[in-house]
Amino acid sequence: MAKPVKATILVVDDEENIREALTGILEDEGHEVITASSGEKALTLFNEHAPDVILMDVWMPGMDGIETLRNIRERNRSVPVIMISGHGSIDTAVNAIKLGAYDFLEKPLSLEKVTILVGRALEKQRLENENLALKTSITQQWELIGENPGIVSLKDKIRKAAVSQGRLIIFGESGTGKELVARALHHASDRRDKNFIEVNCAAIPHELIESELFGHEKGSFTGAFESKKGKFELADEGTLFLDEIGDMSLATQAKLLRVLETQEFQRVGGSRKIKVDVRIIAATNKDLEEEIKKTNFREDLFFRLNVIPIHVPPLRERKDDIHLLVDHFLKIFARQYGQKIKSISKNTLRSLMEYDWPGNVRELKNTIERFVIMNPSDVIDVKEVPSFKGAKTDYASFKTLREAREQFEKDFILKKLQENNYNVSKTAEDLEIERSNLHRKIKSLGIETP
C-alpha cells in the first residue's frame, strides 16, 4: 500500500488532551500538525500555514467552531473542515454542513474513524486540485494569443457576442483558429457549464451526417444495432459547433434549416419529436456568398446562421504576434514533453517572421512542436532544424524549367493540403484531380504529411 501523502493539518480544540491525542495520531500517519486552542488563534494559523485539512471543535470559549468555520469559508471555499463536538446534535451537524464543513465527528473520538476521514478529505482535496489544474491547462490550450489590432478587435467581438444567444458564422482560412474562437465564445457565455459539441461537416460522409447530427433509432438502417443520441441532443443547453459547414450537402442543409426554425427534430428512423435548446456556431474557410451563387449553399440557411459574422485574420496579416505565439507554444510543448522551456535564437525568429505561413497558426504550432522535439539544445536555431525553410522560394534560381516546375508543384500541393488540414480527398477535389493521382504526386515529390 502506498504511503499517505504528507499534509499539513490544523487541529483546533480548547482541550489540551484532545489536541495532543490528535497530534500523535496524525503525526504517526506522516502528517505535519499545527494546533490552536481557540477560534481566533486558528484563523491566524490558517493565514500563516494554509493547512490541507482542519479538525475543529464546535464548542470553544470566545469564537466558537461554527463562527470560525464561517470565517474560514469567507477566505477559502475548498479546504476540508471536519467538525468535532462532545455535545453533538442533529441541528449543529446540519448547520455545520450547510456552512461548508466536510463532515462531523462526535466525542469520544474513534481514532480509526479520524484517520479514515482525514484520508478521504485529503483525497477529495487532491482530486479537486487535479481537476482545477486540468481546467487551467485546457483554458491555456484554447487561449487566444495576440496583441495585433486585428486580434484585439476579434477578442472584443467575442466578448460582445458571447453574452447573446445569436447564431454566428466564423470565417477564416484553414489553420487560423476558428475552433479556438468558437470555444472562447462558449466559455464566455452563460452556457459555459454545459457541453461544447463539435461536428466537422467535411470529415463525415454525406450518408452518415444526418445520423451524426440527429441520432438514430435501433434498426433504422443496416448497422444500427442500438439507439444513439445525435450531436444536437448531446449539445442541449450548450453549444453546437458546425465546423466546415460549407461542405455540408444541400439535403442536410434543408434539414438543418428546419431544426433551426423549430428547435425540434426526429432521430433517423424515429417518430418522436425531440426539442432542444442549442446555440449554433458555424465556421467555414469558404466564401459562402460565392457558394450560394454556385448553388452549393442555401441562401436561407446562410441568413439564418449569419446573425453575427466573425472574421479571423490569417497569420500573415498579424506577424507582430508571432513572437508571442512562439513563446506560448514553447511553454505548452515543454510541459507536454516534460522538458525545460527552450528559447529561440534571433535568427530563427527572424526566419519565422519572414515566412508567409500558408497553414497559419496551425502550421506555426506544428513547426514549434517539431523544433522542441528535434532540437536537443536549450536554444533553438533554425540551422539545426533544416526541415524548416523560412524564406520564400526563388523559382528563378533553378537551372531548368523541370526543377522549378517540380518545386512549384510541391509548394502548391503542400499549401492546399495545409488549407484542407491534410485531407487528401478534399485537396484532390479542390485541385480537380483524381485522389489516386494526388497520392502519387505526394509520394514522388517527397511531401511529408502528418
Protein backbone atom coordinates (compact mmCIF):
# COMPACT_ATOMS: atom_id res chain seq x y z
CA MET A 1 0.00 0.00 0.00
CA ALA A 2 1.30 3.44 -0.93
CA LYS A 3 2.34 5.69 1.91
CA PRO A 4 -0.18 8.53 2.50
CA VAL A 5 0.84 11.91 1.16
CA LYS A 6 2.26 14.18 3.85
CA ALA A 7 -0.13 17.02 4.60
CA THR A 8 -0.39 19.99 6.95
CA ILE A 9 -3.31 19.56 9.33
CA LEU A 10 -4.67 22.20 11.70
CA VAL A 11 -6.23 20.86 14.93
CA VAL A 12 -8.43 23.36 16.79
CA ASP A 13 -9.73 22.40 20.27
CA ASP A 14 -9.75 24.12 23.66
CA GLU A 15 -8.95 20.79 25.41
CA GLU A 16 -5.20 20.15 25.52
CA ASN A 17 -5.54 16.37 25.82
CA ILE A 18 -7.64 16.27 22.62
CA ARG A 19 -5.05 18.32 20.75
CA GLU A 20 -2.24 16.06 21.96
CA ALA A 21 -4.12 12.84 21.10
CA LEU A 22 -4.97 14.01 17.58
CA THR A 23 -1.43 15.29 17.04
CA GLY A 24 0.03 11.89 17.94
CA ILE A 25 -2.36 10.00 15.64
CA LEU A 26 -1.83 12.29 12.67
CA GLU A 27 1.95 12.51 13.06
CA ASP A 28 2.08 8.71 13.12
CA GLU A 29 0.38 8.88 9.70
CA GLY A 30 3.20 11.09 8.45
CA HIS A 31 1.42 14.44 8.58
CA GLU A 32 2.62 17.78 9.94
CA VAL A 33 0.27 19.02 12.69
CA ILE A 34 -0.25 22.55 13.98
CA THR A 35 -2.64 23.24 16.86
CA ALA A 36 -4.77 26.09 18.17
CA SER A 37 -6.76 26.37 21.40
CA SER A 38 -9.22 28.99 20.13
CA GLY A 39 -11.02 30.17 17.02
CA GLU A 40 -9.08 33.42 16.97
CA LYS A 41 -5.71 31.59 17.06
CA ALA A 42 -6.97 29.14 14.41
CA LEU A 43 -7.63 31.99 11.95
CA THR A 44 -4.12 33.36 12.49
CA LEU A 45 -2.53 29.93 11.88
CA PHE A 46 -4.82 29.37 8.89
CA ASN A 47 -3.45 32.51 7.23
CA GLU A 48 0.16 31.62 8.05
CA HIS A 49 0.23 27.91 7.13
CA ALA A 50 -2.60 27.28 4.59
CA PRO A 51 -3.42 23.81 6.03
CA ASP A 52 -4.68 20.98 3.82
CA VAL A 53 -7.29 19.78 6.35
CA ILE A 54 -8.78 21.28 9.53
CA LEU A 55 -10.13 19.33 12.53
CA MET A 56 -12.10 21.75 14.74
CA ASP A 57 -14.17 21.58 17.89
CA VAL A 58 -17.62 23.18 17.78
CA TRP A 59 -17.84 24.30 21.40
CA MET A 60 -15.00 26.65 22.39
CA PRO A 61 -14.89 29.80 24.56
CA GLY A 62 -14.84 33.09 22.67
CA MET A 63 -15.23 32.46 18.93
CA ASP A 64 -16.84 29.02 18.67
CA GLY A 65 -16.24 26.48 15.89
CA ILE A 66 -19.28 27.47 13.83
CA GLU A 67 -18.25 31.13 13.72
CA THR A 68 -14.65 30.14 12.97
CA LEU A 69 -15.87 27.90 10.14
CA ARG A 70 -17.86 30.81 8.72
CA ASN A 71 -14.72 33.00 8.75
CA ILE A 72 -12.61 30.27 7.11
CA ARG A 73 -15.18 29.80 4.35
CA GLU A 74 -15.07 33.52 3.57
CA ARG A 75 -11.34 33.15 2.92
CA ASN A 76 -11.22 29.69 1.35
CA ARG A 77 -14.10 27.64 -0.07
CA SER A 78 -12.21 24.41 -0.71
CA VAL A 79 -10.14 23.35 2.33
CA PRO A 80 -11.91 20.39 4.05
CA VAL A 81 -13.05 21.19 7.61
CA ILE A 82 -14.07 18.29 9.91
CA MET A 83 -16.14 19.50 12.88
CA ILE A 84 -15.87 17.79 16.30
CA SER A 85 -18.26 18.03 19.24
CA GLY A 86 -18.84 16.35 22.59
CA HIS A 87 -22.33 17.77 22.67
CA GLY A 88 -23.34 16.94 19.14
CA SER A 89 -26.87 17.35 17.86
CA ILE A 90 -28.56 16.97 14.50
CA ASP A 91 -29.14 20.72 14.29
CA THR A 92 -25.46 21.53 14.94
CA ALA A 93 -24.29 18.99 12.35
CA VAL A 94 -26.74 20.25 9.72
CA ASN A 95 -25.70 23.85 10.37
CA ALA A 96 -22.02 22.96 10.04
CA ILE A 97 -22.58 21.08 6.76
CA LYS A 98 -24.61 24.00 5.37
CA LEU A 99 -21.70 26.30 6.14
CA GLY A 100 -19.41 24.03 4.14
CA ALA A 101 -18.00 21.54 6.67
CA TYR A 102 -16.67 18.36 5.05
CA ASP A 103 -18.00 16.05 7.83
CA PHE A 104 -18.91 15.86 11.53
CA LEU A 105 -17.39 13.73 14.33
CA GLU A 106 -18.64 13.20 17.89
CA LYS A 107 -16.56 12.76 21.04
CA PRO A 108 -15.31 10.41 22.33
CA LEU A 109 -13.41 10.17 19.07
CA SER A 110 -12.78 6.91 17.26
CA LEU A 111 -9.10 7.16 16.31
CA GLU A 112 -9.63 4.81 13.38
CA LYS A 113 -12.50 6.94 12.09
CA VAL A 114 -10.38 10.09 12.42
CA THR A 115 -7.60 8.67 10.21
CA ILE A 116 -10.09 7.33 7.64
CA LEU A 117 -11.96 10.63 7.47
CA VAL A 118 -8.76 12.68 7.16
CA GLY A 119 -7.57 10.35 4.37
CA ARG A 120 -10.85 10.80 2.49
CA ALA A 121 -10.71 14.58 2.93
CA LEU A 122 -7.16 14.67 1.54
CA GLU A 123 -8.18 12.50 -1.42
CA LYS A 124 -11.09 14.85 -2.13
CA GLN A 125 -8.72 17.81 -1.99
CA ARG A 126 -6.25 16.07 -4.32
CA LEU A 127 -8.96 15.33 -6.90
CA GLU A 128 -10.25 18.91 -6.75
CA ASN A 129 -6.72 20.25 -7.25
CA GLU A 130 -6.16 17.91 -10.21
CA ASN A 131 -9.49 18.99 -11.71
CA LEU A 132 -8.57 22.66 -11.29
CA ALA A 133 -5.15 22.05 -12.87
CA LEU A 134 -6.81 20.23 -15.78
CA LYS A 135 -9.29 23.07 -16.33
CA THR A 136 -6.44 25.60 -16.20
CA SER A 137 -4.43 23.55 -18.70
CA ILE A 138 -7.42 23.30 -21.06
CA THR A 139 -8.07 27.03 -20.75
CA GLN A 140 -4.43 27.77 -21.63
CA GLN A 141 -4.58 25.34 -24.55
CA TRP A 142 -7.52 27.25 -26.07
CA GLU A 143 -6.25 30.72 -25.14
CA LEU A 144 -6.41 33.33 -27.92
CA ILE A 145 -2.88 34.74 -28.13
CA GLY A 146 -2.07 38.09 -29.72
CA GLU A 147 -1.89 41.86 -29.33
CA ASN A 148 -2.23 42.78 -33.01
CA PRO A 149 -5.14 45.24 -33.62
CA GLY A 150 -6.94 42.54 -35.63
CA ILE A 151 -6.80 40.11 -32.70
CA VAL A 152 -7.71 42.82 -30.16
CA SER A 153 -10.78 43.60 -32.29
CA LEU A 154 -11.58 39.86 -32.54
CA LYS A 155 -11.42 39.46 -28.74
CA ASP A 156 -13.76 42.44 -28.35
CA LYS A 157 -16.26 40.88 -30.79
CA ILE A 158 -16.08 37.57 -28.90
CA ARG A 159 -16.78 39.32 -25.61
CA LYS A 160 -19.81 41.14 -27.04
CA ALA A 161 -21.19 38.17 -28.99
CA ALA A 162 -20.74 35.65 -26.16
CA VAL A 163 -23.40 37.21 -23.92
CA SER A 164 -26.05 36.95 -26.66
CA GLN A 165 -27.84 33.91 -28.00
CA GLY A 166 -27.34 34.96 -31.63
CA ARG A 167 -26.06 32.43 -34.14
CA LEU A 168 -22.62 33.02 -35.60
CA ILE A 169 -20.51 32.13 -38.59
CA ILE A 170 -16.74 32.26 -38.10
CA PHE A 171 -14.94 32.96 -41.38
CA GLY A 172 -11.25 32.35 -41.87
CA GLU A 173 -8.61 30.38 -43.72
CA SER A 174 -7.74 26.87 -42.60
CA GLY A 175 -5.48 26.88 -39.55
CA THR A 176 -6.34 30.40 -38.34
CA GLY A 177 -8.01 29.16 -35.15
CA LYS A 178 -11.75 29.10 -35.89
CA GLU A 179 -12.36 26.30 -33.40
CA LEU A 180 -10.43 28.25 -30.77
CA VAL A 181 -12.72 31.25 -31.36
CA ALA A 182 -15.79 29.02 -31.09
CA ARG A 183 -14.59 27.62 -27.75
CA ALA A 184 -13.78 31.13 -26.49
CA LEU A 185 -17.35 32.17 -27.34
CA HIS A 186 -18.75 29.16 -25.48
CA HIS A 187 -16.58 29.65 -22.38
CA ALA A 188 -17.50 33.34 -22.17
CA SER A 189 -21.25 32.61 -22.48
CA ASP A 190 -23.84 31.60 -19.88
CA ARG A 191 -23.69 28.09 -21.42
CA ARG A 192 -20.08 27.58 -20.29
CA ASP A 193 -21.01 24.82 -17.81
CA LYS A 194 -22.86 22.83 -20.48
CA ASN A 195 -21.48 20.78 -23.37
CA PHE A 196 -19.48 22.15 -26.28
CA ILE A 197 -20.05 19.65 -29.10
CA GLU A 198 -18.09 19.81 -32.35
CA VAL A 199 -19.05 18.37 -35.73
CA ASN A 200 -16.63 18.51 -38.68
CA CYS A 201 -19.02 18.57 -41.62
CA ALA A 202 -16.20 17.89 -44.10
CA ALA A 203 -14.96 14.77 -42.31
CA ILE A 204 -18.28 12.88 -42.08
CA PRO A 205 -19.61 11.06 -45.17
CA HIS A 206 -22.80 12.65 -46.51
CA GLU A 207 -24.81 9.47 -45.92
CA LEU A 208 -23.90 9.45 -42.20
CA ILE A 209 -24.10 13.11 -41.24
CA GLU A 210 -27.86 13.09 -40.62
CA SER A 211 -27.43 10.29 -38.08
CA GLU A 212 -24.44 12.12 -36.59
CA LEU A 213 -26.44 15.32 -36.11
CA PHE A 214 -29.86 13.96 -35.12
CA GLY A 215 -29.13 10.43 -33.86
CA HIS A 216 -30.91 7.25 -34.88
CA GLU A 217 -33.15 4.53 -33.51
CA LYS A 218 -32.20 0.88 -33.26
CA GLY A 219 -32.70 -0.93 -36.58
CA SER A 220 -33.25 2.28 -38.58
CA PHE A 221 -30.55 1.25 -41.06
CA THR A 222 -28.02 -1.53 -41.60
CA GLY A 223 -25.55 -1.46 -38.73
CA ALA A 224 -27.82 0.48 -36.34
CA PHE A 225 -27.65 -2.16 -33.59
CA GLU A 226 -28.72 0.26 -30.88
CA SER A 227 -30.25 3.71 -30.48
CA LYS A 228 -27.83 6.62 -30.49
CA LYS A 229 -28.13 10.25 -29.47
CA GLY A 230 -27.08 12.80 -32.07
CA LYS A 231 -24.93 15.87 -31.59
CA PHE A 232 -27.99 18.11 -31.18
CA GLU A 233 -29.18 16.10 -28.17
CA LEU A 234 -25.69 16.00 -26.67
CA ALA A 235 -25.41 19.78 -27.04
CA ASP A 236 -28.79 20.51 -25.38
CA GLU A 237 -28.49 23.72 -23.30
CA GLY A 238 -24.94 24.07 -24.61
CA THR A 239 -23.19 24.93 -27.87
CA LEU A 240 -23.03 23.02 -31.16
CA PHE A 241 -20.05 23.93 -33.35
CA LEU A 242 -20.57 23.08 -37.02
CA ASP A 243 -17.07 23.28 -38.49
CA GLU A 244 -16.60 23.49 -42.28
CA ILE A 245 -20.34 23.98 -42.81
CA GLY A 246 -19.65 24.96 -46.42
CA ASP A 247 -19.06 21.26 -47.12
CA MET A 248 -22.50 20.16 -45.85
CA SER A 249 -24.76 18.60 -48.52
CA LEU A 250 -27.82 20.51 -49.71
CA ALA A 251 -30.12 17.77 -48.37
CA THR A 252 -28.64 18.06 -44.87
CA GLN A 253 -28.72 21.85 -45.12
CA ALA A 254 -32.51 21.67 -45.67
CA LYS A 255 -32.97 19.51 -42.55
CA LEU A 256 -30.68 21.74 -40.51
CA LEU A 257 -32.74 24.79 -41.57
CA ARG A 258 -35.95 23.18 -40.24
CA VAL A 259 -34.29 22.40 -36.91
CA LEU A 260 -33.05 25.99 -36.59
CA GLU A 261 -36.60 27.24 -37.18
CA THR A 262 -38.31 24.90 -34.68
CA GLN A 263 -35.52 23.64 -32.36
CA GLU A 264 -37.20 20.24 -32.89
CA PHE A 265 -36.14 17.13 -34.80
CA GLN A 266 -36.63 13.39 -35.03
CA ARG A 267 -33.95 10.75 -34.88
CA VAL A 268 -33.34 8.78 -38.06
CA GLY A 269 -35.97 6.02 -38.04
CA GLY A 270 -37.86 7.63 -35.16
CA SER A 271 -41.24 9.30 -34.84
CA ARG A 272 -40.88 11.13 -31.51
CA LYS A 273 -40.15 14.85 -31.72
CA ILE A 274 -37.19 15.91 -29.60
CA LYS A 275 -36.97 19.55 -28.51
CA VAL A 276 -33.60 21.08 -27.66
CA ASP A 277 -32.11 24.42 -26.67
CA VAL A 278 -28.84 24.69 -28.60
CA ARG A 279 -26.74 27.66 -29.65
CA ILE A 280 -25.27 27.16 -33.11
CA ILE A 281 -21.80 28.38 -34.06
CA ALA A 282 -20.72 27.59 -37.62
CA ALA A 283 -17.33 28.01 -39.29
CA THR A 284 -16.01 27.86 -42.83
CA ASN A 285 -12.92 28.61 -44.89
CA LYS A 286 -15.12 29.14 -47.97
CA ASP A 287 -16.78 32.24 -49.36
CA LEU A 288 -20.38 31.23 -48.67
CA GLU A 289 -21.84 34.04 -50.76
CA GLU A 290 -19.87 32.67 -53.71
CA GLU A 291 -21.07 29.14 -52.84
CA ILE A 292 -24.66 30.45 -52.88
CA LYS A 293 -24.13 31.77 -56.42
CA LYS A 294 -22.86 28.32 -57.41
CA THR A 295 -25.99 26.79 -55.75
CA ASN A 296 -23.76 24.83 -53.36
CA PHE A 297 -25.15 26.55 -50.26
CA ARG A 298 -28.70 27.59 -49.35
CA GLU A 299 -29.22 31.33 -49.11
CA ASP A 300 -31.96 30.98 -46.47
CA LEU A 301 -29.66 28.87 -44.26
CA PHE A 302 -26.88 31.44 -44.67
CA PHE A 303 -29.17 34.23 -43.43
CA ARG A 304 -30.33 32.06 -40.51
CA LEU A 305 -26.77 31.37 -39.39
CA ASN A 306 -25.07 34.64 -40.24
CA VAL A 307 -26.60 36.72 -37.46
CA ILE A 308 -23.15 37.63 -36.13
CA PRO A 309 -20.30 37.22 -38.65
CA ILE A 310 -16.79 36.96 -37.19
CA HIS A 311 -13.63 37.03 -39.33
CA VAL A 312 -10.36 35.51 -38.08
CA PRO A 313 -7.30 37.16 -39.68
CA PRO A 314 -4.61 34.95 -41.28
CA LEU A 315 -1.21 34.83 -39.58
CA ARG A 316 0.50 36.72 -42.43
CA GLU A 317 -1.64 39.75 -41.50
CA ARG A 318 -0.52 39.73 -37.86
CA LYS A 319 3.13 38.76 -37.95
CA ASP A 320 3.80 41.00 -34.94
CA ASP A 321 2.07 38.29 -32.87
CA ILE A 322 4.46 35.54 -33.97
CA HIS A 323 6.90 36.04 -31.07
CA LEU A 324 4.01 35.79 -28.56
CA LEU A 325 2.68 32.65 -30.23
CA VAL A 326 6.17 31.10 -30.30
CA ASP A 327 6.64 31.74 -26.55
CA HIS A 328 3.18 30.29 -25.87
CA PHE A 329 3.82 27.10 -27.88
CA LEU A 330 7.30 26.64 -26.38
CA LYS A 331 5.72 26.59 -22.89
CA ILE A 332 2.92 24.24 -23.94
CA PHE A 333 5.27 21.68 -25.55
CA ALA A 334 7.82 21.89 -22.74
CA ARG A 335 5.05 20.95 -20.32
CA GLN A 336 3.65 18.29 -22.68
CA TYR A 337 7.03 16.57 -23.17
CA GLY A 338 8.34 17.15 -19.65
CA GLN A 339 11.22 19.33 -20.79
CA LYS A 340 12.80 22.57 -19.71
CA ILE A 341 11.32 25.54 -21.59
CA LYS A 342 13.54 26.23 -24.62
CA SER A 343 14.30 29.64 -26.08
CA ILE A 344 14.62 30.55 -29.74
CA SER A 345 17.51 32.33 -31.47
CA LYS A 346 17.09 35.76 -33.06
CA ASN A 347 17.95 34.32 -36.49
CA THR A 348 15.27 31.66 -36.15
CA LEU A 349 12.67 34.19 -35.01
CA ARG A 350 13.61 36.42 -37.96
CA SER A 351 13.07 33.48 -40.33
CA LEU A 352 9.71 32.76 -38.74
CA MET A 353 8.72 36.41 -39.19
CA GLU A 354 9.74 36.39 -42.89
CA TYR A 355 7.70 33.28 -43.74
CA ASP A 356 4.13 33.77 -45.03
CA TRP A 357 2.59 30.79 -43.15
CA PRO A 358 0.07 29.42 -45.68
CA GLY A 359 -1.06 26.97 -42.98
CA ASN A 360 -1.47 29.85 -40.49
CA VAL A 361 -1.25 29.35 -36.72
CA ARG A 362 -1.68 25.58 -37.04
CA GLU A 363 1.43 25.41 -39.23
CA LEU A 364 3.38 27.58 -36.77
CA LYS A 365 2.29 25.36 -33.88
CA ASN A 366 3.36 22.21 -35.71
CA THR A 367 6.71 23.85 -36.58
CA ILE A 368 7.42 24.79 -32.95
CA GLU A 369 6.48 21.29 -31.81
CA ARG A 370 8.96 19.86 -34.32
CA PHE A 371 11.62 22.29 -33.10
CA VAL A 372 11.08 21.23 -29.47
CA ILE A 373 11.20 17.51 -30.30
CA MET A 374 14.12 17.54 -32.73
CA ASN A 375 16.38 20.18 -31.17
CA PRO A 376 18.45 18.83 -28.22
CA SER A 377 19.85 22.21 -27.12
CA ASP A 378 18.19 24.79 -24.89
CA VAL A 379 18.34 27.42 -27.66
CA ILE A 380 16.59 26.52 -30.92
CA ASP A 381 18.43 27.66 -34.04
CA VAL A 382 16.94 27.16 -37.49
CA LYS A 383 20.28 25.88 -38.84
CA GLU A 384 19.87 22.86 -36.58
CA VAL A 385 16.41 22.12 -37.99
CA PRO A 386 16.94 22.02 -41.75
CA SER A 387 13.37 20.81 -42.43
CA PHE A 388 12.15 24.37 -41.82
CA LYS A 389 12.58 26.96 -44.58
CA GLY A 390 11.69 30.49 -43.62
CA ALA A 391 12.43 32.24 -46.89
CA LYS A 392 10.19 32.32 -49.96
CA THR A 393 11.25 30.09 -52.85
CA ASP A 394 13.09 31.89 -55.65
CA TYR A 395 11.99 29.87 -58.67
CA ALA A 396 14.31 31.84 -60.96
CA SER A 397 17.29 30.34 -59.14
CA PHE A 398 16.60 26.87 -60.57
CA LYS A 399 18.71 25.80 -63.54
CA THR A 400 15.97 24.03 -65.50
CA LEU A 401 12.24 24.53 -66.06
CA ARG A 402 11.60 20.99 -64.84
CA GLU A 403 13.25 21.67 -61.45
CA ALA A 404 11.36 24.95 -60.97
CA ARG A 405 8.08 23.30 -62.01
CA GLU A 406 8.56 20.42 -59.58
CA GLN A 407 9.35 22.79 -56.71
CA PHE A 408 6.33 24.97 -57.52
CA GLU A 409 4.11 21.89 -57.74
CA LYS A 410 5.41 20.67 -54.38
CA ASP A 411 4.87 24.08 -52.72
CA PHE A 412 1.40 24.47 -54.26
CA ILE A 413 0.17 20.99 -53.27
CA LEU A 414 1.58 21.40 -49.75
CA LYS A 415 -0.23 24.74 -49.34
CA LYS A 416 -3.52 23.20 -50.48
CA LEU A 417 -3.04 20.22 -48.14
CA GLN A 418 -2.45 22.60 -45.23
CA GLU A 419 -5.54 24.63 -46.15
CA ASN A 420 -7.59 21.42 -46.00
CA ASN A 421 -5.97 20.13 -42.80
CA TYR A 422 -4.19 17.42 -44.85
CA ASN A 423 -7.49 15.92 -46.04
CA VAL A 424 -6.29 14.27 -49.29
CA SER A 425 -9.78 13.70 -50.73
CA LYS A 426 -10.79 17.33 -50.17
CA THR A 427 -7.48 18.59 -51.58
CA ALA A 428 -7.86 16.42 -54.70
CA GLU A 429 -11.35 17.86 -55.19
CA ASP A 430 -10.02 21.44 -54.92
CA LEU A 431 -7.19 20.67 -57.35
CA GLU A 432 -9.64 18.92 -59.70
CA ILE A 433 -7.51 15.79 -59.97
CA GLU A 434 -8.10 12.15 -59.02
CA ARG A 435 -7.33 11.21 -55.42
CA SER A 436 -5.01 8.39 -56.57
CA ASN A 437 -3.13 10.86 -58.79
CA LEU A 438 -2.63 13.23 -55.85
CA HIS A 439 -1.32 10.36 -53.70
CA ARG A 440 1.27 9.56 -56.38
CA LYS A 441 2.37 13.20 -56.58
CA ILE A 442 2.68 13.47 -52.79
CA LYS A 443 4.93 10.40 -52.80
CA SER A 444 7.01 11.36 -55.86
CA LEU A 445 7.55 14.94 -54.69
CA GLY A 446 8.53 13.83 -51.17
CA ILE A 447 5.79 15.81 -49.43
CA GLU A 448 5.60 14.98 -45.72
CA THR A 449 2.10 14.66 -44.24
CA PRO A 450 1.15 14.19 -40.54
